[in-house]
């Protein structure tokens, strides 16, 4: 017979696993949110309520990914990231379906601190990208890192944020998923931000019934949906949410010709802005142009989008019918 301590520990582990297995699947678009800043480069919490309403009422987006690449999370202090997480969760209550907080950091201790904080404010999930200075040398090292962060928030669904273009960590993710729920009971899925559709397709083929496999390349969304993506996380869904939701709807109904037309608009925009130079600063400027929300500049070392680029982006938005 189990003694009281062992029995309690066993029940606790079972409850965590049961929670992990019964939680809601994320099967739609997720906006990777920008961080509102003042002109003095301080975070501007006062705009987040307006931002939430815009996403829900104008773009039809009810899920968000906070403090990631788009939100300049790595450029923020730990305290700023906590304040932003608190405000997004508070303002989203009753309006948003899920608020996922990115807690990745170069420091595992900082990631654990952010994970605990997100859990204390009832975040829908937490996500972690790989450290990108001292990088894990193999999948085992990466899983150990993820396991330690996830253990700091043992009741919160956990996502791995795969973005090899920025982290330089490019293991085959299909190999990482093999048996990962035995190591990380709260593992919920991926944010897969890579153009490697071979790896992604294998992930979906083997694990689509077990994990949320969220695709992160907006310009390739249709391809990912055909492969069987659970949903998608992206920056353009902040201002192209309606268009991309239409694409998902017609894809599910089997109207692939119309779906391709919608995807072509996204690709024409992304292709154009990439040619003129499109990073977080330009992306944020686009959101300001479309939404009218004064989100402010990016934080150094990112430079503010030039007026010349803003004019070109505005012209393209009008040509494509995104703005009138």
C-alpha atoms as a PDB file:
ATOM      1  CA  UNK A   1       0.000   0.000   0.000  1.00  0.00           C
ATOM      2  CA  UNK A   2       1.232   3.519  -0.783  1.00  0.00           C
ATOM      3  CA  UNK A   3       1.988   5.755   2.201  1.00  0.00           C
ATOM      4  CA  UNK A   4       0.301   9.161   2.369  1.00  0.00           C
ATOM      5  CA  UNK A   5       3.183  11.145   0.847  1.00  0.00           C
ATOM      6  CA  UNK A   6       3.642   8.783  -2.091  1.00  0.00           C
ATOM      7  CA  UNK A   7      -0.109   8.568  -2.670  1.00  0.00           C
ATOM      8  CA  UNK A   8      -0.411  12.366  -2.708  1.00  0.00           C
ATOM      9  CA  UNK A   9       2.468  12.681  -5.156  1.00  0.00           C
ATOM     10  CA  UNK A  10       0.977   9.999  -7.416  1.00  0.00           C
ATOM     11  CA  UNK A  11      -2.439  11.677  -7.423  1.00  0.00           C
ATOM     12  CA  UNK A  12      -0.842  15.047  -8.139  1.00  0.00           C
ATOM     13  CA  UNK A  13       1.040  13.622 -11.117  1.00  0.00           C
ATOM     14  CA  UNK A  14      -2.135  11.940 -12.369  1.00  0.00           C
ATOM     15  CA  UNK A  15      -4.128  15.171 -12.061  1.00  0.00           C
ATOM     16  CA  UNK A  16      -1.491  17.093 -14.040  1.00  0.00           C
ATOM     17  CA  UNK A  17      -1.492  14.470 -16.777  1.00  0.00           C
ATOM     18  CA  UNK A  18      -5.304  14.360 -16.819  1.00  0.00           C
ATOM     19  CA  UNK A  19      -5.392  18.142 -17.153  1.00  0.00           C
ATOM     20  CA  UNK A  20      -2.872  18.012 -19.984  1.00  0.00           C
ATOM     21  CA  UNK A  21      -4.959  15.453 -21.849  1.00  0.00           C
ATOM     22  CA  UNK A  22      -8.327  17.178 -21.374  1.00  0.00           C
ATOM     23  CA  UNK A  23      -7.438  20.812 -22.086  1.00  0.00           C
ATOM     24  CA  UNK A  24      -8.916  22.649 -25.044  1.00  0.00           C
ATOM     25  CA  UNK A  25      -7.308  22.248 -28.423  1.00  0.00           C
ATOM     26  CA  UNK A  26      -6.225  25.425 -30.172  1.00  0.00           C
ATOM     27  CA  UNK A  27      -7.590  25.158 -33.703  1.00  0.00           C
ATOM     28  CA  UNK A  28      -7.724  28.657 -35.157  1.00  0.00           C
ATOM     29  CA  UNK A  29      -5.679  31.772 -35.836  1.00  0.00           C
ATOM     30  CA  UNK A  30      -3.540  33.269 -33.091  1.00  0.00           C
ATOM     31  CA  UNK A  31      -2.253  36.845 -33.368  1.00  0.00           C
ATOM     32  CA  UNK A  32       1.343  37.306 -32.263  1.00  0.00           C
ATOM     33  CA  UNK A  33       0.843  40.675 -30.612  1.00  0.00           C
ATOM     34  CA  UNK A  34       3.007  43.778 -30.867  1.00  0.00           C
ATOM     35  CA  UNK A  35       4.094  45.507 -27.674  1.00  0.00           C
ATOM     36  CA  UNK A  36       2.672  49.032 -27.409  1.00  0.00           C
ATOM     37  CA  UNK A  37       5.402  51.566 -26.644  1.00  0.00           C
ATOM     38  CA  UNK A  38       5.456  55.249 -25.826  1.00  0.00           C
ATOM     39  CA  UNK A  39       7.665  57.561 -27.865  1.00  0.00           C
ATOM     40  CA  UNK A  40      10.138  57.306 -24.981  1.00  0.00           C
ATOM     41  CA  UNK A  41      10.362  53.540 -25.495  1.00  0.00           C
ATOM     42  CA  UNK A  42       8.458  52.592 -22.369  1.00  0.00           C
ATOM     43  CA  UNK A  43       5.766  49.906 -22.542  1.00  0.00           C
ATOM     44  CA  UNK A  44       2.304  51.430 -22.938  1.00  0.00           C
ATOM     45  CA  UNK A  45      -0.194  49.284 -21.079  1.00  0.00           C
ATOM     46  CA  UNK A  46      -3.012  51.790 -21.612  1.00  0.00           C
ATOM     47  CA  UNK A  47      -3.509  50.676 -25.236  1.00  0.00           C
ATOM     48  CA  UNK A  48      -3.975  46.970 -24.603  1.00  0.00           C
ATOM     49  CA  UNK A  49      -7.719  47.127 -23.934  1.00  0.00           C
ATOM     50  CA  UNK A  50      -8.256  48.952 -27.231  1.00  0.00           C
ATOM     51  CA  UNK A  51      -5.959  46.447 -28.951  1.00  0.00           C
ATOM     52  CA  UNK A  52      -7.971  43.475 -27.646  1.00  0.00           C
ATOM     53  CA  UNK A  53     -11.227  45.008 -28.831  1.00  0.00           C
ATOM     54  CA  UNK A  54      -9.748  45.663 -32.268  1.00  0.00           C
ATOM     55  CA  UNK A  55      -8.594  42.058 -32.659  1.00  0.00           C
ATOM     56  CA  UNK A  56     -11.931  40.618 -31.584  1.00  0.00           C
ATOM     57  CA  UNK A  57     -14.371  43.046 -33.196  1.00  0.00           C
ATOM     58  CA  UNK A  58     -12.525  44.032 -36.375  1.00  0.00           C
ATOM     59  CA  UNK A  59     -10.269  41.096 -37.244  1.00  0.00           C
ATOM     60  CA  UNK A  60     -12.234  38.218 -35.723  1.00  0.00           C
ATOM     61  CA  UNK A  61      -9.206  37.026 -33.729  1.00  0.00           C
ATOM     62  CA  UNK A  62      -9.775  35.589 -30.250  1.00  0.00           C
ATOM     63  CA  UNK A  63      -6.420  34.000 -29.445  1.00  0.00           C
ATOM     64  CA  UNK A  64      -3.099  35.754 -28.863  1.00  0.00           C
ATOM     65  CA  UNK A  65       0.592  34.975 -28.383  1.00  0.00           C
ATOM     66  CA  UNK A  66       2.253  37.560 -26.123  1.00  0.00           C
ATOM     67  CA  UNK A  67       5.915  38.601 -25.701  1.00  0.00           C
ATOM     68  CA  UNK A  68       7.197  36.601 -28.645  1.00  0.00           C
ATOM     69  CA  UNK A  69       9.274  37.796 -31.589  1.00  0.00           C
ATOM     70  CA  UNK A  70       6.607  40.210 -32.820  1.00  0.00           C
ATOM     71  CA  UNK A  71       6.248  41.557 -29.280  1.00  0.00           C
ATOM     72  CA  UNK A  72      10.020  42.089 -28.940  1.00  0.00           C
ATOM     73  CA  UNK A  73       9.938  39.875 -25.847  1.00  0.00           C
ATOM     74  CA  UNK A  74      13.680  39.272 -25.730  1.00  0.00           C
ATOM     75  CA  UNK A  75      14.255  43.067 -25.727  1.00  0.00           C
ATOM     76  CA  UNK A  76      12.045  43.577 -22.674  1.00  0.00           C
ATOM     77  CA  UNK A  77      12.950  43.359 -19.008  1.00  0.00           C
ATOM     78  CA  UNK A  78      11.522  40.562 -16.884  1.00  0.00           C
ATOM     79  CA  UNK A  79       9.341  43.067 -15.038  1.00  0.00           C
ATOM     80  CA  UNK A  80       8.022  44.518 -18.300  1.00  0.00           C
ATOM     81  CA  UNK A  81       7.170  41.055 -19.572  1.00  0.00           C
ATOM     82  CA  UNK A  82       5.268  40.318 -16.378  1.00  0.00           C
ATOM     83  CA  UNK A  83       3.306  43.557 -16.583  1.00  0.00           C
ATOM     84  CA  UNK A  84       2.403  42.899 -20.211  1.00  0.00           C
ATOM     85  CA  UNK A  85       1.297  39.340 -19.448  1.00  0.00           C
ATOM     86  CA  UNK A  86      -0.893  40.581 -16.594  1.00  0.00           C
ATOM     87  CA  UNK A  87      -2.504  43.278 -18.717  1.00  0.00           C
ATOM     88  CA  UNK A  88      -3.183  41.095 -21.757  1.00  0.00           C
ATOM     89  CA  UNK A  89      -4.746  38.415 -19.556  1.00  0.00           C
ATOM     90  CA  UNK A  90      -6.799  40.994 -17.625  1.00  0.00           C
ATOM     91  CA  UNK A  91      -8.030  42.864 -20.698  1.00  0.00           C
ATOM     92  CA  UNK A  92      -8.730  39.639 -22.561  1.00  0.00           C
ATOM     93  CA  UNK A  93     -10.918  38.143 -19.831  1.00  0.00           C
ATOM     94  CA  UNK A  94     -14.332  37.351 -21.278  1.00  0.00           C
ATOM     95  CA  UNK A  95     -13.225  38.495 -24.754  1.00  0.00           C
ATOM     96  CA  UNK A  96     -10.346  36.247 -25.769  1.00  0.00           C
ATOM     97  CA  UNK A  97     -10.413  32.469 -25.823  1.00  0.00           C
ATOM     98  CA  UNK A  98      -6.731  31.827 -25.168  1.00  0.00           C
ATOM     99  CA  UNK A  99      -3.760  33.967 -24.116  1.00  0.00           C
ATOM    100  CA  UNK A 100      -0.430  32.193 -24.564  1.00  0.00           C
ATOM    101  CA  UNK A 101       2.555  33.840 -22.904  1.00  0.00           C
ATOM    102  CA  UNK A 102       6.043  33.380 -24.330  1.00  0.00           C
ATOM    103  CA  UNK A 103       8.475  32.926 -21.420  1.00  0.00           C
ATOM    104  CA  UNK A 104      11.639  32.027 -23.314  1.00  0.00           C
ATOM    105  CA  UNK A 105      14.914  33.604 -22.208  1.00  0.00           C
ATOM    106  CA  UNK A 106      18.657  33.054 -22.365  1.00  0.00           C
ATOM    107  CA  UNK A 107      18.433  32.297 -18.628  1.00  0.00           C
ATOM    108  CA  UNK A 108      16.583  29.186 -17.521  1.00  0.00           C
ATOM    109  CA  UNK A 109      15.977  30.800 -14.121  1.00  0.00           C
ATOM    110  CA  UNK A 110      14.329  33.779 -15.775  1.00  0.00           C
ATOM    111  CA  UNK A 111      12.202  31.499 -17.961  1.00  0.00           C
ATOM    112  CA  UNK A 112      11.072  29.588 -14.878  1.00  0.00           C
ATOM    113  CA  UNK A 113      10.244  32.830 -13.093  1.00  0.00           C
ATOM    114  CA  UNK A 114       8.169  34.013 -16.059  1.00  0.00           C
ATOM    115  CA  UNK A 115       6.458  30.616 -16.312  1.00  0.00           C
ATOM    116  CA  UNK A 116       5.445  30.720 -12.641  1.00  0.00           C
ATOM    117  CA  UNK A 117       4.174  34.247 -13.072  1.00  0.00           C
ATOM    118  CA  UNK A 118       2.090  33.326 -16.138  1.00  0.00           C
ATOM    119  CA  UNK A 119       0.608  30.399 -14.228  1.00  0.00           C
ATOM    120  CA  UNK A 120      -0.282  32.622 -11.275  1.00  0.00           C
ATOM    121  CA  UNK A 121      -2.319  34.850 -13.614  1.00  0.00           C
ATOM    122  CA  UNK A 122      -4.064  31.889 -15.272  1.00  0.00           C
ATOM    123  CA  UNK A 123      -2.463  32.118 -18.694  1.00  0.00           C
ATOM    124  CA  UNK A 124      -3.989  29.686 -21.186  1.00  0.00           C
ATOM    125  CA  UNK A 125      -0.539  28.378 -22.048  1.00  0.00           C
ATOM    126  CA  UNK A 126       3.151  29.176 -22.018  1.00  0.00           C
ATOM    127  CA  UNK A 127       5.656  28.899 -24.854  1.00  0.00           C
ATOM    128  CA  UNK A 128       9.443  28.739 -24.956  1.00  0.00           C
ATOM    129  CA  UNK A 129      11.923  29.202 -27.775  1.00  0.00           C
ATOM    130  CA  UNK A 130      15.385  27.691 -27.590  1.00  0.00           C
ATOM    131  CA  UNK A 131      18.184  29.765 -26.042  1.00  0.00           C
ATOM    132  CA  UNK A 132      20.087  31.368 -28.896  1.00  0.00           C
ATOM    133  CA  UNK A 133      23.500  32.311 -27.458  1.00  0.00           C
ATOM    134  CA  UNK A 134      24.584  29.169 -25.625  1.00  0.00           C
ATOM    135  CA  UNK A 135      22.603  26.805 -27.811  1.00  0.00           C
ATOM    136  CA  UNK A 136      21.617  23.217 -26.968  1.00  0.00           C
ATOM    137  CA  UNK A 137      23.959  20.919 -28.865  1.00  0.00           C
ATOM    138  CA  UNK A 138      21.412  18.142 -29.391  1.00  0.00           C
ATOM    139  CA  UNK A 139      17.730  17.367 -28.965  1.00  0.00           C
ATOM    140  CA  UNK A 140      18.301  15.822 -25.550  1.00  0.00           C
ATOM    141  CA  UNK A 141      19.768  19.091 -24.225  1.00  0.00           C
ATOM    142  CA  UNK A 142      16.867  21.063 -25.679  1.00  0.00           C
ATOM    143  CA  UNK A 143      14.275  18.749 -24.132  1.00  0.00           C
ATOM    144  CA  UNK A 144      15.988  18.991 -20.744  1.00  0.00           C
ATOM    145  CA  UNK A 145      15.826  22.784 -20.954  1.00  0.00           C
ATOM    146  CA  UNK A 146      12.135  22.716 -21.941  1.00  0.00           C
ATOM    147  CA  UNK A 147      11.348  20.192 -19.213  1.00  0.00           C
ATOM    148  CA  UNK A 148      12.840  22.385 -16.502  1.00  0.00           C
ATOM    149  CA  UNK A 149      10.910  25.437 -17.655  1.00  0.00           C
ATOM    150  CA  UNK A 150       7.630  23.514 -17.972  1.00  0.00           C
ATOM    151  CA  UNK A 151       8.069  22.081 -14.470  1.00  0.00           C
ATOM    152  CA  UNK A 152       7.892  25.610 -13.045  1.00  0.00           C
ATOM    153  CA  UNK A 153       4.255  25.828 -14.208  1.00  0.00           C
ATOM    154  CA  UNK A 154       3.003  22.240 -13.888  1.00  0.00           C
ATOM    155  CA  UNK A 155      -0.672  23.066 -14.462  1.00  0.00           C
ATOM    156  CA  UNK A 156      -0.228  25.146 -17.633  1.00  0.00           C
ATOM    157  CA  UNK A 157      -0.213  23.804 -21.224  1.00  0.00           C
ATOM    158  CA  UNK A 158       3.292  24.058 -22.682  1.00  0.00           C
ATOM    159  CA  UNK A 159       4.370  24.862 -26.260  1.00  0.00           C
ATOM    160  CA  UNK A 160       7.758  24.715 -27.913  1.00  0.00           C
ATOM    161  CA  UNK A 161       8.369  27.753 -30.144  1.00  0.00           C
ATOM    162  CA  UNK A 162      10.472  26.573 -33.080  1.00  0.00           C
ATOM    163  CA  UNK A 163      12.033  29.514 -34.952  1.00  0.00           C
ATOM    164  CA  UNK A 164      15.397  28.362 -36.324  1.00  0.00           C
ATOM    165  CA  UNK A 165      15.970  31.462 -38.467  1.00  0.00           C
ATOM    166  CA  UNK A 166      16.443  33.476 -35.274  1.00  0.00           C
ATOM    167  CA  UNK A 167      17.667  30.925 -32.729  1.00  0.00           C
ATOM    168  CA  UNK A 168      19.998  28.975 -35.003  1.00  0.00           C
ATOM    169  CA  UNK A 169      18.593  25.766 -33.474  1.00  0.00           C
ATOM    170  CA  UNK A 170      17.326  23.646 -36.333  1.00  0.00           C
ATOM    171  CA  UNK A 171      16.814  20.082 -35.126  1.00  0.00           C
ATOM    172  CA  UNK A 172      14.137  18.022 -36.875  1.00  0.00           C
ATOM    173  CA  UNK A 173      11.081  18.687 -34.757  1.00  0.00           C
ATOM    174  CA  UNK A 174       9.461  15.383 -35.643  1.00  0.00           C
ATOM    175  CA  UNK A 175      12.290  13.765 -33.652  1.00  0.00           C
ATOM    176  CA  UNK A 176      11.752  16.104 -30.697  1.00  0.00           C
ATOM    177  CA  UNK A 177       8.082  15.082 -30.492  1.00  0.00           C
ATOM    178  CA  UNK A 178       8.844  11.382 -30.158  1.00  0.00           C
ATOM    179  CA  UNK A 179       7.844  10.524 -26.579  1.00  0.00           C
ATOM    180  CA  UNK A 180       8.000  14.135 -25.375  1.00  0.00           C
ATOM    181  CA  UNK A 181       4.761  13.930 -23.384  1.00  0.00           C
ATOM    182  CA  UNK A 182       6.437  11.316 -21.162  1.00  0.00           C
ATOM    183  CA  UNK A 183       9.140  13.859 -20.338  1.00  0.00           C
ATOM    184  CA  UNK A 184       6.865  16.925 -20.265  1.00  0.00           C
ATOM    185  CA  UNK A 185       3.322  15.874 -19.220  1.00  0.00           C
ATOM    186  CA  UNK A 186       1.927  19.350 -19.959  1.00  0.00           C
ATOM    187  CA  UNK A 187       3.319  19.448 -23.504  1.00  0.00           C
ATOM    188  CA  UNK A 188       0.546  20.815 -25.715  1.00  0.00           C
ATOM    189  CA  UNK A 189       2.239  21.425 -29.057  1.00  0.00           C
ATOM    190  CA  UNK A 190       4.318  23.673 -31.273  1.00  0.00           C
ATOM    191  CA  UNK A 191       4.571  27.071 -32.768  1.00  0.00           C
ATOM    192  CA  UNK A 192       6.409  25.965 -35.922  1.00  0.00           C
ATOM    193  CA  UNK A 193       7.923  29.071 -37.536  1.00  0.00           C
ATOM    194  CA  UNK A 194       9.923  27.589 -40.379  1.00  0.00           C
ATOM    195  CA  UNK A 195       9.460  27.026 -44.106  1.00  0.00           C
ATOM    196  CA  UNK A 196      10.524  23.381 -43.725  1.00  0.00           C
ATOM    197  CA  UNK A 197       7.251  21.794 -44.818  1.00  0.00           C
ATOM    198  CA  UNK A 198       8.915  18.374 -44.955  1.00  0.00           C
ATOM    199  CA  UNK A 199       9.577  18.412 -41.207  1.00  0.00           C
ATOM    200  CA  UNK A 200       6.247  20.063 -40.475  1.00  0.00           C
ATOM    201  CA  UNK A 201       4.332  17.595 -42.647  1.00  0.00           C
ATOM    202  CA  UNK A 202       5.892  14.682 -40.805  1.00  0.00           C
ATOM    203  CA  UNK A 203       4.954  16.264 -37.468  1.00  0.00           C
ATOM    204  CA  UNK A 204       1.351  16.585 -38.578  1.00  0.00           C
ATOM    205  CA  UNK A 205       1.201  13.087 -40.070  1.00  0.00           C
ATOM    206  CA  UNK A 206       2.447  11.452 -36.876  1.00  0.00           C
ATOM    207  CA  UNK A 207       1.152  13.714 -34.127  1.00  0.00           C
ATOM    208  CA  UNK A 208      -1.861  15.743 -35.296  1.00  0.00           C
ATOM    209  CA  UNK A 209      -4.207  13.845 -32.969  1.00  0.00           C
ATOM    210  CA  UNK A 210      -1.993  14.396 -29.929  1.00  0.00           C
ATOM    211  CA  UNK A 211      -0.703  17.954 -30.171  1.00  0.00           C
ATOM    212  CA  UNK A 212      -1.608  21.449 -31.354  1.00  0.00           C
ATOM    213  CA  UNK A 213       0.666  21.941 -34.367  1.00  0.00           C
ATOM    214  CA  UNK A 214       0.436  25.674 -34.976  1.00  0.00           C
ATOM    215  CA  UNK A 215       2.120  26.966 -38.114  1.00  0.00           C
ATOM    216  CA  UNK A 216       4.061  30.227 -38.011  1.00  0.00           C
ATOM    217  CA  UNK A 217       4.777  31.274 -41.605  1.00  0.00           C
ATOM    218  CA  UNK A 218       1.773  33.360 -42.610  1.00  0.00           C
ATOM    219  CA  UNK A 219       2.614  33.403 -46.307  1.00  0.00           C
ATOM    220  CA  UNK A 220       2.535  29.570 -46.382  1.00  0.00           C
ATOM    221  CA  UNK A 221      -0.587  29.091 -44.287  1.00  0.00           C
ATOM    222  CA  UNK A 222      -2.644  27.416 -47.005  1.00  0.00           C
ATOM    223  CA  UNK A 223       0.071  24.829 -47.616  1.00  0.00           C
ATOM    224  CA  UNK A 224       0.199  24.086 -43.909  1.00  0.00           C
ATOM    225  CA  UNK A 225      -3.585  23.756 -43.683  1.00  0.00           C
ATOM    226  CA  UNK A 226      -3.601  21.275 -46.559  1.00  0.00           C
ATOM    227  CA  UNK A 227      -0.991  19.268 -44.654  1.00  0.00           C
ATOM    228  CA  UNK A 228      -3.325  19.298 -41.646  1.00  0.00           C
ATOM    229  CA  UNK A 229      -2.226  22.187 -39.426  1.00  0.00           C
ATOM    230  CA  UNK A 230      -4.188  22.582 -36.208  1.00  0.00           C
ATOM    231  CA  UNK A 231      -4.041  26.365 -36.477  1.00  0.00           C
ATOM    232  CA  UNK A 232      -1.538  29.160 -36.923  1.00  0.00           C
ATOM    233  CA  UNK A 233       0.317  31.850 -34.993  1.00  0.00           C
ATOM    234  CA  UNK A 234       1.428  34.930 -36.901  1.00  0.00           C
ATOM    235  CA  UNK A 235       2.019  38.652 -36.893  1.00  0.00           C
ATOM    236  CA  UNK A 236      -0.069  39.467 -39.968  1.00  0.00           C
ATOM    237  CA  UNK A 237      -3.193  38.076 -38.304  1.00  0.00           C
ATOM    238  CA  UNK A 238      -3.185  41.300 -36.279  1.00  0.00           C
ATOM    239  CA  UNK A 239      -4.249  43.185 -39.426  1.00  0.00           C
ATOM    240  CA  UNK A 240      -5.083  40.454 -41.982  1.00  0.00           C
ATOM    241  CA  UNK A 241      -7.142  38.335 -39.597  1.00  0.00           C
ATOM    242  CA  UNK A 242     -10.401  38.688 -41.525  1.00  0.00           C
ATOM    243  CA  UNK A 243      -8.797  37.708 -44.814  1.00  0.00           C
ATOM    244  CA  UNK A 244      -6.999  34.716 -43.336  1.00  0.00           C
ATOM    245  CA  UNK A 245     -10.106  33.571 -41.455  1.00  0.00           C
ATOM    246  CA  UNK A 246     -11.948  33.599 -44.798  1.00  0.00           C
ATOM    247  CA  UNK A 247      -9.167  31.489 -46.266  1.00  0.00           C
ATOM    248  CA  UNK A 248      -9.532  28.939 -43.476  1.00  0.00           C
ATOM    249  CA  UNK A 249     -13.304  28.820 -43.916  1.00  0.00           C
ATOM    250  CA  UNK A 250     -13.225  28.192 -47.665  1.00  0.00           C
ATOM    251  CA  UNK A 251     -10.383  25.682 -47.272  1.00  0.00           C
ATOM    252  CA  UNK A 252     -12.461  23.656 -44.838  1.00  0.00           C
ATOM    253  CA  UNK A 253     -15.403  23.785 -47.273  1.00  0.00           C
ATOM    254  CA  UNK A 254     -13.187  22.503 -50.099  1.00  0.00           C
ATOM    255  CA  UNK A 255     -13.159  25.691 -52.210  1.00  0.00           C
ATOM    256  CA  UNK A 256      -9.424  25.619 -52.874  1.00  0.00           C
ATOM    257  CA  UNK A 257      -9.582  28.067 -55.781  1.00  0.00           C
ATOM    258  CA  UNK A 258     -10.946  30.818 -53.537  1.00  0.00           C
ATOM    259  CA  UNK A 259      -8.537  29.795 -50.783  1.00  0.00           C
ATOM    260  CA  UNK A 260      -5.634  30.242 -53.197  1.00  0.00           C
ATOM    261  CA  UNK A 261      -6.911  33.697 -54.123  1.00  0.00           C
ATOM    262  CA  UNK A 262      -6.912  34.736 -50.466  1.00  0.00           C
ATOM    263  CA  UNK A 263      -3.440  33.262 -49.926  1.00  0.00           C
ATOM    264  CA  UNK A 264      -2.179  35.062 -53.037  1.00  0.00           C
ATOM    265  CA  UNK A 265      -3.118  38.415 -51.486  1.00  0.00           C
ATOM    266  CA  UNK A 266      -1.131  37.583 -48.351  1.00  0.00           C
ATOM    267  CA  UNK A 267       1.793  36.368 -50.435  1.00  0.00           C
ATOM    268  CA  UNK A 268       1.783  39.443 -52.645  1.00  0.00           C
ATOM    269  CA  UNK A 269       1.883  41.683 -49.592  1.00  0.00           C
ATOM    270  CA  UNK A 270       4.546  39.665 -47.747  1.00  0.00           C
ATOM    271  CA  UNK A 271       6.619  39.242 -50.899  1.00  0.00           C
ATOM    272  CA  UNK A 272       6.532  42.959 -51.624  1.00  0.00           C
ATOM    273  CA  UNK A 273       7.416  44.133 -48.138  1.00  0.00           C
ATOM    274  CA  UNK A 274      10.199  41.563 -47.841  1.00  0.00           C
ATOM    275  CA  UNK A 275      11.777  43.029 -50.964  1.00  0.00           C
ATOM    276  CA  UNK A 276      11.809  46.544 -49.498  1.00  0.00           C
ATOM    277  CA  UNK A 277      13.006  45.300 -46.107  1.00  0.00           C
ATOM    278  CA  UNK A 278      10.402  44.079 -43.637  1.00  0.00           C
ATOM    279  CA  UNK A 279      11.182  43.345 -40.023  1.00  0.00           C
ATOM    280  CA  UNK A 280       9.414  43.846 -36.717  1.00  0.00           C
ATOM    281  CA  UNK A 281       9.594  47.657 -37.066  1.00  0.00           C
ATOM    282  CA  UNK A 282       7.927  47.655 -40.497  1.00  0.00           C
ATOM    283  CA  UNK A 283       5.409  45.060 -39.361  1.00  0.00           C
ATOM    284  CA  UNK A 284       4.491  47.204 -36.393  1.00  0.00           C
ATOM    285  CA  UNK A 285       4.148  50.237 -38.671  1.00  0.00           C
ATOM    286  CA  UNK A 286       1.763  48.216 -40.848  1.00  0.00           C
ATOM    287  CA  UNK A 287      -0.391  47.405 -37.836  1.00  0.00           C
ATOM    288  CA  UNK A 288      -0.519  51.097 -36.955  1.00  0.00           C
ATOM    289  CA  UNK A 289      -1.549  51.993 -40.518  1.00  0.00           C
ATOM    290  CA  UNK A 290      -4.332  49.400 -40.629  1.00  0.00           C
ATOM    291  CA  UNK A 291      -5.660  49.607 -37.074  1.00  0.00           C
ATOM    292  CA  UNK A 292      -5.026  53.244 -36.210  1.00  0.00           C
ATOM    293  CA  UNK A 293      -3.748  52.198 -32.777  1.00  0.00           C
ATOM    294  CA  UNK A 294      -0.653  54.295 -31.899  1.00  0.00           C
ATOM    295  CA  UNK A 295       1.618  51.411 -30.933  1.00  0.00           C
ATOM    296  CA  UNK A 296       4.765  53.523 -30.964  1.00  0.00           C
ATOM    297  CA  UNK A 297       8.252  52.641 -32.180  1.00  0.00           C
ATOM    298  CA  UNK A 298      10.184  49.414 -31.690  1.00  0.00           C
ATOM    299  CA  UNK A 299      12.949  49.238 -29.100  1.00  0.00           C
ATOM    300  CA  UNK A 300      16.611  49.510 -30.034  1.00  0.00           C
ATOM    301  CA  UNK A 301      18.529  47.921 -31.628  1.00  0.00           C
ATOM    302  CA  UNK A 302      15.539  47.918 -34.005  1.00  0.00           C
ATOM    303  CA  UNK A 303      15.144  51.216 -35.835  1.00  0.00           C
ATOM    304  CA  UNK A 304      11.816  52.897 -36.501  1.00  0.00           C
ATOM    305  CA  UNK A 305      10.267  52.258 -39.910  1.00  0.00           C
ATOM    306  CA  UNK A 306      11.166  55.152 -42.214  1.00  0.00           C
ATOM    307  CA  UNK A 307       8.502  57.437 -43.629  1.00  0.00           C
ATOM    308  CA  UNK A 308       9.508  56.323 -47.123  1.00  0.00           C
ATOM    309  CA  UNK A 309       8.838  52.679 -46.273  1.00  0.00           C
ATOM    310  CA  UNK A 310       5.595  53.567 -44.522  1.00  0.00           C
ATOM    311  CA  UNK A 311       4.419  55.318 -47.691  1.00  0.00           C
ATOM    312  CA  UNK A 312       5.275  52.263 -49.795  1.00  0.00           C
ATOM    313  CA  UNK A 313       3.533  49.919 -47.382  1.00  0.00           C
ATOM    314  CA  UNK A 314       0.452  52.143 -47.323  1.00  0.00           C
ATOM    315  CA  UNK A 315       0.317  52.237 -51.111  1.00  0.00           C
ATOM    316  CA  UNK A 316       0.549  48.450 -51.295  1.00  0.00           C
ATOM    317  CA  UNK A 317      -2.192  47.992 -48.699  1.00  0.00           C
ATOM    318  CA  UNK A 318      -4.461  50.203 -50.784  1.00  0.00           C
ATOM    319  CA  UNK A 319      -3.578  48.427 -54.034  1.00  0.00           C
ATOM    320  CA  UNK A 320      -4.503  45.095 -52.476  1.00  0.00           C
ATOM    321  CA  UNK A 321      -7.761  46.458 -51.077  1.00  0.00           C
ATOM    322  CA  UNK A 322      -6.689  45.915 -47.461  1.00  0.00           C
ATOM    323  CA  UNK A 323      -7.056  49.646 -46.884  1.00  0.00           C
ATOM    324  CA  UNK A 324      -9.318  51.931 -48.878  1.00  0.00           C
END
